[in-house]
């Protein structure tokens, strides 16, 4: 920060910011998003989770002591700023929205959920859909989204996400995720691309999103936030990277790290560690805990058989990046048997009335039934 005195001395200010009263920061996972600093470095926007289970978007000017909820931005996630720091974009209810921080109601830009968005100086919002795929562009005034990246099937790319607009308004960064490769980190990389589809080049391997600020590229290496000089004109990295913060939350399930930076040198980040998934719990009708089921893993849509002896559940594997169905026998020490295999995403198991079959959805293919 420039001290503003005659010697032009630079100094560093560090401050800890607590969440609003009776809330927790909701900074990672499928419906969240890290704190984001406004481009002018004067404000923070973030999602916070209340005790009633609802998520709200908050605005916190750095010169004030309290954060205030943004009216009409209930269930908001993955917030981002307009270049002039007057609007906040966000996702809610499978819609891409924007809200004027002066107090006007939110406006829907298009009907899309997402995996991150960014707003460039030419009025385009770049975003990733909430299902695997490329990056899209849509006018901030609304319209039909257009594709601005292409998945490379030779590299086995499955998802482009977390776009970040560069100051020139023509280029942007994005994170590229590789599908089912045996190692969740191998091959994942940061790319820089242009809106006209003429430029698309790999910058470096990393495990999460990245931003450009003050002439530097900020990116993650495990739980360490690093910076490296980035020449915006040549789109090349210069010199060696160096650490600027350690212990930064990095959600490997979504490849999203909790940090943000403004062009004038304000950096916000959250420290800690997160673990995806948990153990399923058996309780009786009174709510008394009777035991645990399985190991710590991402369990989705558990379904008990009618006789209560078997449990079907979809489980996500961060290594293979697949989601298959498993069957637990609750009468035999929670023994587990794989029900589906392969690289598909199998979800939402449903038992037949006689308990002899299970129907489920394979994303992008259809509904299947098996014994």
Protein backbone atom coordinates (compact mmCIF):
# COMPACT_ATOMS: atom_id res chain seq x y z
CA UNK A 1 0.00 0.00 0.00
CA UNK A 2 1.23 3.52 -0.77
CA UNK A 3 1.52 5.37 2.53
CA UNK A 4 0.77 8.64 0.77
CA UNK A 5 3.69 10.52 2.30
CA UNK A 6 6.51 12.42 0.65
CA UNK A 7 8.89 9.47 0.80
CA UNK A 8 6.43 7.18 -1.03
CA UNK A 9 7.19 4.54 1.59
CA UNK A 10 5.32 1.28 1.16
CA UNK A 11 3.89 -0.62 4.10
CA UNK A 12 1.72 -3.62 4.76
CA UNK A 13 -1.52 -3.74 6.72
CA UNK A 14 -2.96 -7.02 7.98
CA UNK A 15 -6.48 -7.29 9.36
CA UNK A 16 -8.70 -10.15 10.49
CA UNK A 17 -12.37 -9.90 9.53
CA UNK A 18 -14.92 -12.04 11.41
CA UNK A 19 -18.17 -13.29 9.82
CA UNK A 20 -21.41 -11.40 10.58
CA UNK A 21 -23.08 -12.22 13.90
CA UNK A 22 -24.72 -15.68 14.05
CA UNK A 23 -23.22 -16.71 10.69
CA UNK A 24 -20.22 -18.58 9.37
CA UNK A 25 -18.24 -17.87 6.25
CA UNK A 26 -19.45 -20.24 3.55
CA UNK A 27 -16.37 -20.27 1.38
CA UNK A 28 -16.17 -23.60 -0.37
CA UNK A 29 -18.33 -26.39 -1.70
CA UNK A 30 -21.05 -26.50 -4.34
CA UNK A 31 -23.04 -23.48 -3.17
CA UNK A 32 -20.57 -20.99 -1.80
CA UNK A 33 -17.63 -19.04 -3.17
CA UNK A 34 -14.71 -17.21 -1.63
CA UNK A 35 -14.65 -13.64 -0.43
CA UNK A 36 -14.10 -11.30 -3.41
CA UNK A 37 -12.42 -7.90 -3.25
CA UNK A 38 -13.91 -5.09 -5.35
CA UNK A 39 -11.64 -3.90 -8.18
CA UNK A 40 -11.12 -0.55 -6.41
CA UNK A 41 -10.00 -2.39 -3.25
CA UNK A 42 -12.61 -0.70 -1.05
CA UNK A 43 -15.16 -3.46 -0.44
CA UNK A 44 -15.55 -7.18 0.16
CA UNK A 45 -18.43 -9.37 -0.96
CA UNK A 46 -18.94 -12.86 0.42
CA UNK A 47 -21.52 -15.54 1.13
CA UNK A 48 -22.30 -16.33 4.78
CA UNK A 49 -24.29 -19.23 6.18
CA UNK A 50 -26.79 -18.57 8.98
CA UNK A 51 -27.92 -20.93 11.73
CA UNK A 52 -31.22 -21.50 9.91
CA UNK A 53 -29.29 -23.04 7.01
CA UNK A 54 -29.82 -20.15 4.60
CA UNK A 55 -27.05 -18.49 2.66
CA UNK A 56 -26.95 -14.72 2.16
CA UNK A 57 -24.70 -12.40 0.19
CA UNK A 58 -22.99 -9.73 2.31
CA UNK A 59 -21.21 -6.49 1.48
CA UNK A 60 -18.45 -5.18 3.74
CA UNK A 61 -16.82 -1.79 3.01
CA UNK A 62 -13.29 -1.94 4.41
CA UNK A 63 -13.68 1.41 6.17
CA UNK A 64 -16.70 0.15 8.13
CA UNK A 65 -16.87 -2.34 10.99
CA UNK A 66 -19.92 -4.37 9.92
CA UNK A 67 -21.03 -6.31 6.89
CA UNK A 68 -24.57 -5.81 5.60
CA UNK A 69 -26.75 -8.34 3.75
CA UNK A 70 -27.51 -7.52 0.13
CA UNK A 71 -31.29 -7.22 -0.28
CA UNK A 72 -32.73 -9.83 -2.62
CA UNK A 73 -29.53 -11.92 -2.74
CA UNK A 74 -30.73 -14.89 -0.71
CA UNK A 75 -29.08 -18.24 -1.53
CA UNK A 76 -26.37 -16.42 -3.48
CA UNK A 77 -23.13 -18.20 -4.32
CA UNK A 78 -19.91 -17.53 -6.28
CA UNK A 79 -20.08 -13.71 -6.19
CA UNK A 80 -18.00 -11.51 -8.53
CA UNK A 81 -17.64 -7.77 -9.18
CA UNK A 82 -18.24 -5.46 -12.13
CA UNK A 83 -15.09 -3.59 -13.27
CA UNK A 84 -16.41 -0.28 -11.88
CA UNK A 85 -17.14 -1.84 -8.44
CA UNK A 86 -20.79 -0.74 -8.64
CA UNK A 87 -22.41 -4.14 -9.22
CA UNK A 88 -22.04 -7.61 -7.75
CA UNK A 89 -22.79 -10.61 -9.90
CA UNK A 90 -23.77 -13.94 -8.37
CA UNK A 91 -25.61 -17.22 -8.95
CA UNK A 92 -28.86 -18.14 -7.15
CA UNK A 93 -31.64 -20.58 -7.99
CA UNK A 94 -29.91 -21.71 -11.20
CA UNK A 95 -29.82 -18.14 -12.46
CA UNK A 96 -26.97 -15.74 -13.15
CA UNK A 97 -27.87 -12.42 -11.54
CA UNK A 98 -26.46 -8.97 -10.84
CA UNK A 99 -27.31 -6.43 -8.16
CA UNK A 100 -26.52 -2.73 -7.87
CA UNK A 101 -24.80 -2.10 -4.53
CA UNK A 102 -26.69 1.22 -4.32
CA UNK A 103 -29.77 -0.79 -3.33
CA UNK A 104 -31.70 -1.73 -6.46
CA UNK A 105 -33.27 -5.24 -6.64
CA UNK A 106 -31.26 -8.00 -8.36
CA UNK A 107 -31.64 -8.46 -12.11
CA UNK A 108 -31.45 -11.82 -13.91
CA UNK A 109 -28.83 -11.91 -16.67
CA UNK A 110 -29.56 -15.46 -17.88
CA UNK A 111 -30.91 -18.78 -16.62
CA UNK A 112 -27.72 -20.59 -15.69
CA UNK A 113 -26.15 -22.08 -12.59
CA UNK A 114 -22.40 -21.94 -12.51
CA UNK A 115 -18.85 -22.75 -11.46
CA UNK A 116 -17.57 -19.20 -11.24
CA UNK A 117 -17.93 -16.02 -13.27
CA UNK A 118 -16.04 -12.82 -14.11
CA UNK A 119 -17.08 -9.45 -15.60
CA UNK A 120 -14.76 -7.77 -18.12
CA UNK A 121 -14.39 -4.08 -18.93
CA UNK A 122 -16.30 -4.44 -22.21
CA UNK A 123 -19.51 -5.56 -20.49
CA UNK A 124 -19.23 -9.31 -21.01
CA UNK A 125 -19.74 -11.81 -18.19
CA UNK A 126 -17.77 -15.04 -18.61
CA UNK A 127 -19.00 -18.04 -16.65
CA UNK A 128 -18.85 -21.80 -16.37
CA UNK A 129 -22.02 -23.85 -16.08
CA UNK A 130 -22.56 -26.04 -13.02
CA UNK A 131 -22.10 -29.18 -15.14
CA UNK A 132 -18.78 -30.10 -16.79
CA UNK A 133 -18.16 -28.14 -19.96
CA UNK A 134 -16.53 -25.03 -21.49
CA UNK A 135 -16.56 -21.32 -20.59
CA UNK A 136 -19.45 -19.18 -21.86
CA UNK A 137 -19.86 -15.45 -22.46
CA UNK A 138 -23.02 -13.38 -22.11
CA UNK A 139 -23.69 -9.65 -22.13
CA UNK A 140 -24.13 -8.16 -18.66
CA UNK A 141 -27.36 -6.69 -20.04
CA UNK A 142 -28.68 -10.18 -20.78
CA UNK A 143 -28.89 -12.37 -23.84
CA UNK A 144 -27.96 -15.80 -25.13
CA UNK A 145 -24.64 -17.22 -23.85
CA UNK A 146 -21.96 -18.11 -26.40
CA UNK A 147 -19.15 -20.66 -26.01
CA UNK A 148 -15.65 -19.13 -25.74
CA UNK A 149 -13.52 -22.23 -24.95
CA UNK A 150 -13.42 -25.76 -26.31
CA UNK A 151 -12.67 -28.93 -24.35
CA UNK A 152 -9.58 -30.73 -25.64
CA UNK A 153 -10.56 -34.39 -25.85
CA UNK A 154 -6.96 -35.40 -26.54
CA UNK A 155 -5.95 -34.01 -23.13
CA UNK A 156 -9.06 -35.64 -21.65
CA UNK A 157 -10.37 -32.28 -20.43
CA UNK A 158 -13.70 -32.50 -18.61
CA UNK A 159 -14.34 -29.02 -17.24
CA UNK A 160 -13.30 -25.42 -17.71
CA UNK A 161 -14.15 -23.28 -14.67
CA UNK A 162 -13.30 -20.23 -12.52
CA UNK A 163 -12.73 -17.73 -15.36
CA UNK A 164 -10.98 -14.44 -14.53
CA UNK A 165 -11.04 -11.46 -16.91
CA UNK A 166 -7.76 -9.70 -17.66
CA UNK A 167 -7.69 -5.88 -17.71
CA UNK A 168 -7.50 -5.63 -21.53
CA UNK A 169 -11.08 -6.90 -21.87
CA UNK A 170 -10.04 -9.40 -24.54
CA UNK A 171 -8.31 -12.18 -22.62
CA UNK A 172 -9.15 -14.22 -19.56
CA UNK A 173 -7.74 -16.93 -17.31
CA UNK A 174 -9.52 -20.20 -16.60
CA UNK A 175 -8.88 -23.42 -14.72
CA UNK A 176 -8.88 -26.65 -16.75
CA UNK A 177 -9.79 -29.89 -15.01
CA UNK A 178 -8.82 -33.30 -16.38
CA UNK A 179 -11.22 -36.25 -16.20
CA UNK A 180 -10.56 -39.70 -14.73
CA UNK A 181 -6.80 -39.84 -14.99
CA UNK A 182 -5.89 -41.78 -11.85
CA UNK A 183 -4.52 -38.70 -10.09
CA UNK A 184 -6.70 -35.73 -9.24
CA UNK A 185 -3.87 -33.22 -9.69
CA UNK A 186 -1.98 -34.56 -12.71
CA UNK A 187 -2.81 -32.57 -15.83
CA UNK A 188 -4.95 -29.91 -14.13
CA UNK A 189 -3.75 -26.53 -15.36
CA UNK A 190 -4.32 -22.81 -15.71
CA UNK A 191 -4.92 -21.45 -19.22
CA UNK A 192 -5.18 -18.01 -20.78
CA UNK A 193 -7.58 -17.55 -23.69
CA UNK A 194 -9.17 -14.83 -25.81
CA UNK A 195 -12.84 -14.14 -26.45
CA UNK A 196 -12.32 -14.52 -30.21
CA UNK A 197 -11.12 -18.12 -29.65
CA UNK A 198 -7.79 -17.33 -31.36
CA UNK A 199 -5.68 -17.66 -28.19
CA UNK A 200 -5.68 -20.62 -25.83
CA UNK A 201 -2.43 -21.46 -24.09
CA UNK A 202 -1.39 -23.29 -20.97
CA UNK A 203 0.40 -21.21 -18.34
CA UNK A 204 1.16 -23.68 -15.56
CA UNK A 205 -0.06 -26.74 -13.67
CA UNK A 206 -2.05 -25.91 -10.56
CA UNK A 207 -4.86 -27.33 -8.44
CA UNK A 208 -7.24 -24.36 -8.28
CA UNK A 209 -8.38 -20.99 -9.61
CA UNK A 210 -6.05 -18.05 -10.21
CA UNK A 211 -6.28 -14.25 -10.49
CA UNK A 212 -4.19 -11.46 -12.00
CA UNK A 213 -3.37 -8.43 -9.85
CA UNK A 214 -0.67 -5.75 -9.75
CA UNK A 215 1.23 -7.31 -12.63
CA UNK A 216 1.33 -10.75 -11.00
CA UNK A 217 -0.44 -14.04 -11.45
CA UNK A 218 -1.70 -15.40 -8.12
CA UNK A 219 -2.16 -19.17 -8.01
CA UNK A 220 -2.17 -22.13 -5.65
CA UNK A 221 0.45 -24.77 -4.95
CA UNK A 222 -1.14 -27.18 -2.46
CA UNK A 223 -2.23 -24.83 0.38
CA UNK A 224 0.26 -22.06 -0.47
CA UNK A 225 -0.76 -18.99 -2.45
CA UNK A 226 2.06 -17.95 -4.76
CA UNK A 227 2.69 -15.00 -7.08
CA UNK A 228 4.66 -14.72 -10.30
CA UNK A 229 5.19 -11.81 -12.69
CA UNK A 230 2.84 -12.06 -15.65
CA UNK A 231 3.36 -10.00 -18.82
CA UNK A 232 -0.17 -9.18 -19.95
CA UNK A 233 0.95 -8.05 -23.42
CA UNK A 234 2.84 -11.23 -24.30
CA UNK A 235 0.75 -13.49 -22.03
CA UNK A 236 3.96 -14.95 -20.61
CA UNK A 237 5.12 -15.66 -17.06
CA UNK A 238 8.44 -14.10 -16.03
CA UNK A 239 10.98 -15.09 -13.40
CA UNK A 240 10.26 -17.39 -10.50
CA UNK A 241 7.16 -17.61 -8.33
CA UNK A 242 7.26 -16.76 -4.63
CA UNK A 243 4.91 -17.51 -1.68
CA UNK A 244 2.63 -14.78 -0.33
CA UNK A 245 0.31 -16.72 2.02
CA UNK A 246 0.26 -20.21 3.53
CA UNK A 247 -2.51 -22.38 4.89
CA UNK A 248 -5.07 -21.03 2.40
CA UNK A 249 -8.24 -23.11 2.08
CA UNK A 250 -8.12 -25.07 -1.17
CA UNK A 251 -11.17 -27.21 -1.90
CA UNK A 252 -9.86 -30.01 -4.11
CA UNK A 253 -13.38 -31.28 -4.81
CA UNK A 254 -14.21 -28.11 -6.74
CA UNK A 255 -10.66 -26.83 -7.41
CA UNK A 256 -11.53 -23.59 -5.66
CA UNK A 257 -9.19 -21.76 -3.29
CA UNK A 258 -10.44 -19.01 -0.98
CA UNK A 259 -8.59 -15.86 -2.06
CA UNK A 260 -9.15 -12.69 -4.06
CA UNK A 261 -7.12 -9.59 -4.94
CA UNK A 262 -7.68 -6.09 -6.35
CA UNK A 263 -5.45 -4.35 -8.86
CA UNK A 264 -4.31 -1.81 -6.23
CA UNK A 265 -2.89 -4.37 -3.82
CA UNK A 266 -5.65 -5.56 -1.51
CA UNK A 267 -5.52 -9.32 -0.91
CA UNK A 268 -8.21 -11.24 0.98
CA UNK A 269 -7.98 -14.94 1.81
CA UNK A 270 -9.23 -17.48 4.33
CA UNK A 271 -6.92 -19.87 6.13
CA UNK A 272 -7.84 -23.33 7.33
CA UNK A 273 -8.42 -26.74 5.87
CA UNK A 274 -11.46 -28.50 4.54
CA UNK A 275 -12.30 -32.13 4.07
CA UNK A 276 -14.89 -33.18 1.55
CA UNK A 277 -17.54 -35.62 2.69
CA UNK A 278 -18.25 -37.25 6.02
CA UNK A 279 -19.54 -40.42 7.65
CA UNK A 280 -23.22 -41.30 7.49
CA UNK A 281 -24.94 -41.65 10.86
CA UNK A 282 -27.72 -44.06 11.96
CA UNK A 283 -30.23 -42.60 14.42
CA UNK A 284 -33.45 -43.94 15.93
CA UNK A 285 -36.83 -42.20 15.82
CA UNK A 286 -35.91 -40.13 18.87
CA UNK A 287 -32.73 -38.89 17.22
CA UNK A 288 -30.38 -40.99 19.34
CA UNK A 289 -27.19 -41.91 17.49
CA UNK A 290 -26.87 -45.66 17.01
CA UNK A 291 -23.75 -45.90 14.90
CA UNK A 292 -21.79 -44.84 11.82
CA UNK A 293 -21.86 -46.13 8.25
CA UNK A 294 -18.71 -46.43 6.18
CA UNK A 295 -15.69 -44.14 6.01
CA UNK A 296 -15.32 -40.41 5.45
CA UNK A 297 -16.32 -39.94 1.83
CA UNK A 298 -18.63 -37.80 -0.29
CA UNK A 299 -21.98 -39.57 0.06
CA UNK A 300 -24.83 -38.28 -2.09
CA UNK A 301 -28.53 -39.26 -2.08
CA UNK A 302 -28.53 -42.21 0.37
CA UNK A 303 -31.63 -44.41 0.01
CA UNK A 304 -32.70 -47.13 2.47
CA UNK A 305 -34.41 -50.27 1.24
CA UNK A 306 -37.97 -50.74 2.51
CA UNK A 307 -36.89 -53.36 5.06
CA UNK A 308 -34.08 -51.10 6.33
CA UNK A 309 -31.38 -53.71 5.74
CA UNK A 310 -29.66 -52.22 2.69
CA UNK A 311 -28.52 -48.69 1.87
CA UNK A 312 -27.86 -47.51 -1.68
CA UNK A 313 -25.76 -44.36 -2.04
CA UNK A 314 -23.90 -42.45 -4.74
CA UNK A 315 -20.25 -41.82 -3.78
CA UNK A 316 -17.81 -39.40 -5.38
CA UNK A 317 -14.17 -40.43 -5.75
CA UNK A 318 -11.76 -37.47 -5.94
CA UNK A 319 -9.03 -39.60 -7.46
CA UNK A 320 -10.93 -41.03 -10.42
CA UNK A 321 -13.41 -38.13 -10.44
CA UNK A 322 -16.28 -40.50 -11.00
CA UNK A 323 -19.49 -40.98 -9.05
CA UNK A 324 -20.76 -44.54 -8.75
CA UNK A 325 -23.40 -46.35 -6.72
CA UNK A 326 -22.49 -48.49 -3.72
CA UNK A 327 -24.60 -50.82 -1.58
CA UNK A 328 -24.17 -51.15 2.21
CA UNK A 329 -25.46 -54.19 4.11
CA UNK A 330 -26.40 -52.73 7.47
CA UNK A 331 -26.81 -56.22 8.98
CA UNK A 332 -23.19 -57.20 8.29
CA UNK A 333 -21.01 -54.53 9.91
CA UNK A 334 -21.73 -52.06 7.13
CA UNK A 335 -20.04 -54.14 4.43
CA UNK A 336 -19.92 -52.26 1.12
CA UNK A 337 -20.41 -53.60 -2.44
CA UNK A 338 -19.98 -51.62 -5.66
CA UNK A 339 -23.19 -51.51 -7.68
CA UNK A 340 -22.02 -49.54 -10.74
CA UNK A 341 -18.60 -49.12 -12.33
CA UNK A 342 -16.99 -47.04 -15.03
CA UNK A 343 -16.27 -43.36 -15.63
CA UNK A 344 -19.89 -42.22 -15.63
CA UNK A 345 -21.68 -40.10 -13.02
CA UNK A 346 -24.35 -42.31 -11.42
CA UNK A 347 -26.73 -40.55 -9.02
CA UNK A 348 -30.16 -40.60 -7.34
CA UNK A 349 -30.75 -44.31 -6.62
CA UNK A 350 -34.40 -45.36 -6.12
CA UNK A 351 -35.58 -48.74 -4.81
CA UNK A 352 -38.30 -50.74 -6.53
CA UNK A 353 -41.36 -51.54 -4.35
CA UNK A 354 -40.24 -55.16 -3.87
CA UNK A 355 -36.64 -54.13 -3.08
CA UNK A 356 -35.17 -56.33 -5.82
CA UNK A 357 -34.12 -53.57 -8.23
CA UNK A 358 -32.61 -50.10 -8.15
CA UNK A 359 -33.22 -47.36 -10.70
CA UNK A 360 -30.67 -44.54 -11.05
CA UNK A 361 -29.66 -41.71 -13.33
CA UNK A 362 -26.43 -41.73 -15.32
CA UNK A 363 -25.78 -38.07 -16.11
CA UNK A 364 -25.91 -37.35 -19.83
CA UNK A 365 -27.13 -40.83 -20.71
CA UNK A 366 -30.43 -41.66 -19.05
CA UNK A 367 -32.16 -43.75 -16.38
CA UNK A 368 -31.09 -47.33 -15.81
CA UNK A 369 -32.47 -50.22 -13.75
CA UNK A 370 -30.41 -53.11 -12.40
CA UNK A 371 -30.94 -55.96 -9.88
